[in-house]
């Protein structure tokens, strides 16, 4: 059994499709949230997620786009300095796809290969779990599953990591599909595969990968410049 673990797609459908092509033998695909926002192709990402039956939780940026859409702010004729990523994403997305995002849970638990997993977008902002005691405290809040082997999956930080707190307890973050933060200058989309219980941090470099600073430049060029 092979799992593909993703997070933080951020409306980058090219990056998402590149990973799916590379890991086409995956049996199940899970995502730790932030399917949309801070990118240009939210509708295409949701279409891809649904077509490939990706199992996802809801991230904070998904919530921002939902709230923007439901508020109607994206329908207003706004000056350049009020345009934001959530507004632009809400303008590009269908009502049915907003409804889909609203159905996504905050947490998903599953079991595979005698291991229990709990998937959610974040721990506490950009904090990470540093001790086994902290891990177990969070685990016991999340799930009633008590198999010896326990694995938490987070997204949000965009930093790939597998952190063992004991032989049987660890947390992991696949990194970002959508864009890299300034501290990661590579043009690689990060993700994790778990094959028969074995975890591998992986990445794929391709033309659709982008950094946050370049995204900001393109946003200003496309939208702020569009009104002269």
Protein backbone atom coordinates (compact mmCIF):
# COMPACT_ATOMS: atom_id res chain seq x y z
CA UNK A 1 0.00 0.00 0.00
CA UNK A 2 1.36 3.40 -0.99
CA UNK A 3 0.14 6.74 0.38
CA UNK A 4 0.89 10.10 -1.19
CA UNK A 5 0.85 12.91 1.39
CA UNK A 6 0.48 16.50 0.20
CA UNK A 7 -0.17 19.91 1.71
CA UNK A 8 -0.47 23.60 0.86
CA UNK A 9 -1.37 23.35 -2.83
CA UNK A 10 -2.29 27.06 -2.91
CA UNK A 11 -4.06 27.11 -6.28
CA UNK A 12 -1.01 25.76 -8.14
CA UNK A 13 -2.55 23.12 -10.38
CA UNK A 14 0.61 22.61 -12.45
CA UNK A 15 2.60 21.65 -9.38
CA UNK A 16 -0.16 19.35 -8.12
CA UNK A 17 -0.45 17.56 -11.46
CA UNK A 18 3.34 17.11 -11.69
CA UNK A 19 3.41 15.26 -8.36
CA UNK A 20 0.41 13.11 -9.23
CA UNK A 21 2.06 12.11 -12.52
CA UNK A 22 5.32 11.21 -10.78
CA UNK A 23 3.56 9.18 -8.06
CA UNK A 24 0.84 7.67 -10.27
CA UNK A 25 1.10 4.30 -8.51
CA UNK A 26 -0.21 5.76 -5.23
CA UNK A 27 -3.18 3.90 -3.76
CA UNK A 28 -4.48 6.82 -1.68
CA UNK A 29 -3.74 10.56 -1.66
CA UNK A 30 -4.17 12.71 1.44
CA UNK A 31 -3.79 16.49 1.70
CA UNK A 32 -3.24 18.54 4.87
CA UNK A 33 -5.20 21.52 3.60
CA UNK A 34 -4.79 24.91 1.91
CA UNK A 35 -6.00 23.77 -1.48
CA UNK A 36 -6.63 27.35 -2.59
CA UNK A 37 -5.47 30.98 -2.14
CA UNK A 38 -2.05 32.54 -2.87
CA UNK A 39 -2.10 31.19 -6.42
CA UNK A 40 -3.86 31.66 -9.73
CA UNK A 41 -5.81 28.43 -10.41
CA UNK A 42 -8.19 27.62 -7.52
CA UNK A 43 -10.95 26.12 -9.65
CA UNK A 44 -8.53 23.91 -11.56
CA UNK A 45 -7.01 22.66 -8.27
CA UNK A 46 -10.40 21.72 -6.86
CA UNK A 47 -11.31 19.95 -10.10
CA UNK A 48 -8.02 18.00 -9.93
CA UNK A 49 -8.52 17.15 -6.25
CA UNK A 50 -12.00 15.80 -6.89
CA UNK A 51 -11.06 13.92 -10.06
CA UNK A 52 -8.18 12.18 -8.29
CA UNK A 53 -10.23 11.50 -5.14
CA UNK A 54 -7.74 13.29 -2.92
CA UNK A 55 -8.80 13.16 0.73
CA UNK A 56 -8.25 16.58 2.27
CA UNK A 57 -8.79 18.56 5.44
CA UNK A 58 -9.60 22.27 5.45
CA UNK A 59 -6.78 24.79 5.84
CA UNK A 60 -6.79 28.40 7.03
CA UNK A 61 -6.50 29.71 3.46
CA UNK A 62 -9.44 27.57 2.38
CA UNK A 63 -11.41 29.26 5.16
CA UNK A 64 -10.32 32.72 3.96
CA UNK A 65 -11.55 32.08 0.42
CA UNK A 66 -14.85 30.64 1.70
CA UNK A 67 -15.40 33.67 3.94
CA UNK A 68 -14.53 36.09 1.14
CA UNK A 69 -16.88 34.37 -1.30
CA UNK A 70 -19.78 34.20 1.16
CA UNK A 71 -19.32 37.85 2.16
CA UNK A 72 -19.73 38.94 -1.46
CA UNK A 73 -16.65 41.16 -1.26
CA UNK A 74 -15.23 39.59 -4.43
CA UNK A 75 -18.22 41.00 -6.37
CA UNK A 76 -17.44 44.60 -5.45
CA UNK A 77 -15.66 47.00 -7.80
CA UNK A 78 -12.58 47.45 -5.65
CA UNK A 79 -9.62 49.80 -6.06
CA UNK A 80 -6.23 48.24 -6.72
CA UNK A 81 -5.00 48.59 -3.15
CA UNK A 82 -7.93 46.50 -1.85
CA UNK A 83 -7.35 43.50 -4.11
CA UNK A 84 -6.09 40.46 -2.20
CA UNK A 85 -5.37 36.82 -2.94
CA UNK A 86 -8.65 35.66 -1.31
CA UNK A 87 -10.64 38.13 -3.42
CA UNK A 88 -8.93 37.06 -6.64
CA UNK A 89 -9.42 33.37 -5.77
CA UNK A 90 -13.07 33.91 -4.86
CA UNK A 91 -13.63 35.55 -8.25
CA UNK A 92 -12.24 32.49 -10.04
CA UNK A 93 -14.12 29.76 -8.18
CA UNK A 94 -17.55 28.24 -8.70
CA UNK A 95 -20.29 28.22 -6.07
CA UNK A 96 -20.24 24.40 -6.14
CA UNK A 97 -16.53 24.38 -5.38
CA UNK A 98 -17.00 26.74 -2.43
CA UNK A 99 -19.63 24.31 -1.17
CA UNK A 100 -17.11 21.49 -1.57
CA UNK A 101 -14.48 23.40 0.45
CA UNK A 102 -17.07 23.95 3.17
CA UNK A 103 -17.57 20.18 3.51
CA UNK A 104 -13.90 19.51 4.22
CA UNK A 105 -13.27 18.43 7.83
CA UNK A 106 -10.69 19.96 10.15
CA UNK A 107 -9.27 16.54 10.98
CA UNK A 108 -9.20 13.03 9.50
CA UNK A 109 -8.11 9.85 11.32
CA UNK A 110 -7.21 6.66 9.52
CA UNK A 111 -5.33 3.42 10.09
CA UNK A 112 -2.99 1.61 7.72
CA UNK A 113 -0.28 -1.05 8.09
CA UNK A 114 -0.95 -1.27 11.85
CA UNK A 115 -0.28 2.46 12.23
CA UNK A 116 -2.75 5.13 13.36
CA UNK A 117 -2.67 8.50 11.57
CA UNK A 118 -4.27 11.82 12.42
CA UNK A 119 -4.29 14.48 9.69
CA UNK A 120 -4.92 18.20 10.26
CA UNK A 121 -3.66 21.46 8.76
CA UNK A 122 -1.68 22.87 11.68
CA UNK A 123 -0.65 22.38 15.28
CA UNK A 124 -0.53 25.85 16.89
CA UNK A 125 0.23 28.44 14.23
CA UNK A 126 3.83 27.88 13.19
CA UNK A 127 4.76 26.01 16.38
CA UNK A 128 5.85 22.39 16.20
CA UNK A 129 5.67 19.53 18.71
CA UNK A 130 8.93 19.17 20.61
CA UNK A 131 8.37 16.38 23.14
CA UNK A 132 6.62 13.04 23.51
CA UNK A 133 4.52 14.45 26.36
CA UNK A 134 3.33 17.28 24.10
CA UNK A 135 2.66 14.79 21.31
CA UNK A 136 0.54 12.53 23.50
CA UNK A 137 -1.38 15.46 24.95
CA UNK A 138 -2.31 16.62 21.46
CA UNK A 139 -2.99 13.07 20.25
CA UNK A 140 -5.41 12.37 23.09
CA UNK A 141 -7.33 15.55 22.27
CA UNK A 142 -7.56 14.56 18.61
CA UNK A 143 -8.52 10.91 18.59
CA UNK A 144 -9.52 7.95 20.73
CA UNK A 145 -7.34 5.61 18.66
CA UNK A 146 -4.71 3.93 20.89
CA UNK A 147 -2.62 1.69 18.66
CA UNK A 148 1.04 1.73 19.73
CA UNK A 149 2.27 3.33 16.49
CA UNK A 150 0.96 6.89 16.11
CA UNK A 151 1.69 9.44 13.39
CA UNK A 152 0.48 13.04 13.19
CA UNK A 153 0.42 14.81 9.82
CA UNK A 154 0.51 18.62 9.60
CA UNK A 155 0.89 21.20 6.83
CA UNK A 156 0.93 25.01 7.13
CA UNK A 157 4.65 25.66 7.75
CA UNK A 158 5.75 24.65 4.21
CA UNK A 159 8.79 23.00 5.85
CA UNK A 160 9.28 19.27 5.06
CA UNK A 161 9.99 17.28 8.21
CA UNK A 162 9.74 13.87 9.85
CA UNK A 163 10.28 14.17 13.61
CA UNK A 164 10.49 11.04 15.77
CA UNK A 165 9.63 11.54 19.44
CA UNK A 166 9.87 7.82 20.20
CA UNK A 167 10.16 4.65 18.15
CA UNK A 168 6.38 4.58 17.80
CA UNK A 169 5.34 8.25 17.80
CA UNK A 170 6.22 10.86 15.20
CA UNK A 171 4.85 13.87 13.38
CA UNK A 172 5.48 14.76 9.76
CA UNK A 173 4.99 17.64 7.37
CA UNK A 174 5.24 17.05 3.61
CA UNK A 175 6.11 20.67 2.83
CA UNK A 176 4.35 22.73 0.20
CA UNK A 177 3.04 21.78 -3.22
CA UNK A 178 2.15 25.34 -4.17
CA UNK A 179 5.05 27.67 -3.40
CA UNK A 180 8.24 27.92 -1.39
CA UNK A 181 8.92 30.43 1.35
CA UNK A 182 12.00 32.72 1.06
CA UNK A 183 14.06 30.46 3.34
CA UNK A 184 13.69 27.65 0.75
CA UNK A 185 15.21 28.95 -2.50
CA UNK A 186 14.73 25.68 -4.42
CA UNK A 187 12.19 25.37 -7.22
CA UNK A 188 10.95 22.02 -5.96
CA UNK A 189 7.49 20.90 -4.91
CA UNK A 190 7.73 18.92 -1.69
CA UNK A 191 5.67 15.91 -0.60
CA UNK A 192 5.86 12.58 1.25
CA UNK A 193 5.19 9.01 0.22
CA UNK A 194 4.51 6.21 2.70
CA UNK A 195 4.98 2.75 1.17
CA UNK A 196 4.14 -0.22 3.40
CA UNK A 197 4.73 2.06 6.39
CA UNK A 198 8.08 3.47 5.20
CA UNK A 199 8.19 7.28 5.01
CA UNK A 200 10.11 9.13 2.29
CA UNK A 201 10.50 12.89 1.91
CA UNK A 202 10.44 13.67 -1.80
CA UNK A 203 10.42 16.59 -4.21
CA UNK A 204 9.93 17.30 -7.89
CA UNK A 205 11.31 20.25 -9.82
CA UNK A 206 9.28 21.58 -12.74
CA UNK A 207 8.40 24.76 -14.61
CA UNK A 208 5.26 25.52 -12.59
CA UNK A 209 7.07 25.76 -9.26
CA UNK A 210 7.35 29.27 -7.83
CA UNK A 211 8.50 31.21 -4.78
CA UNK A 212 6.38 33.57 -2.68
CA UNK A 213 8.25 36.70 -3.79
CA UNK A 214 7.70 35.86 -7.46
CA UNK A 215 4.02 35.20 -6.76
CA UNK A 216 3.72 38.64 -5.19
CA UNK A 217 5.39 40.23 -8.22
CA UNK A 218 3.07 38.44 -10.66
CA UNK A 219 0.02 39.38 -8.57
CA UNK A 220 0.95 43.06 -8.72
CA UNK A 221 1.69 42.83 -12.44
CA UNK A 222 -1.59 41.10 -13.30
CA UNK A 223 -4.00 42.94 -11.03
CA UNK A 224 -2.55 46.22 -9.86
CA UNK A 225 -1.25 46.95 -13.33
CA UNK A 226 -4.50 45.95 -15.02
CA UNK A 227 -6.22 49.25 -14.08
CA UNK A 228 -3.53 51.47 -15.48
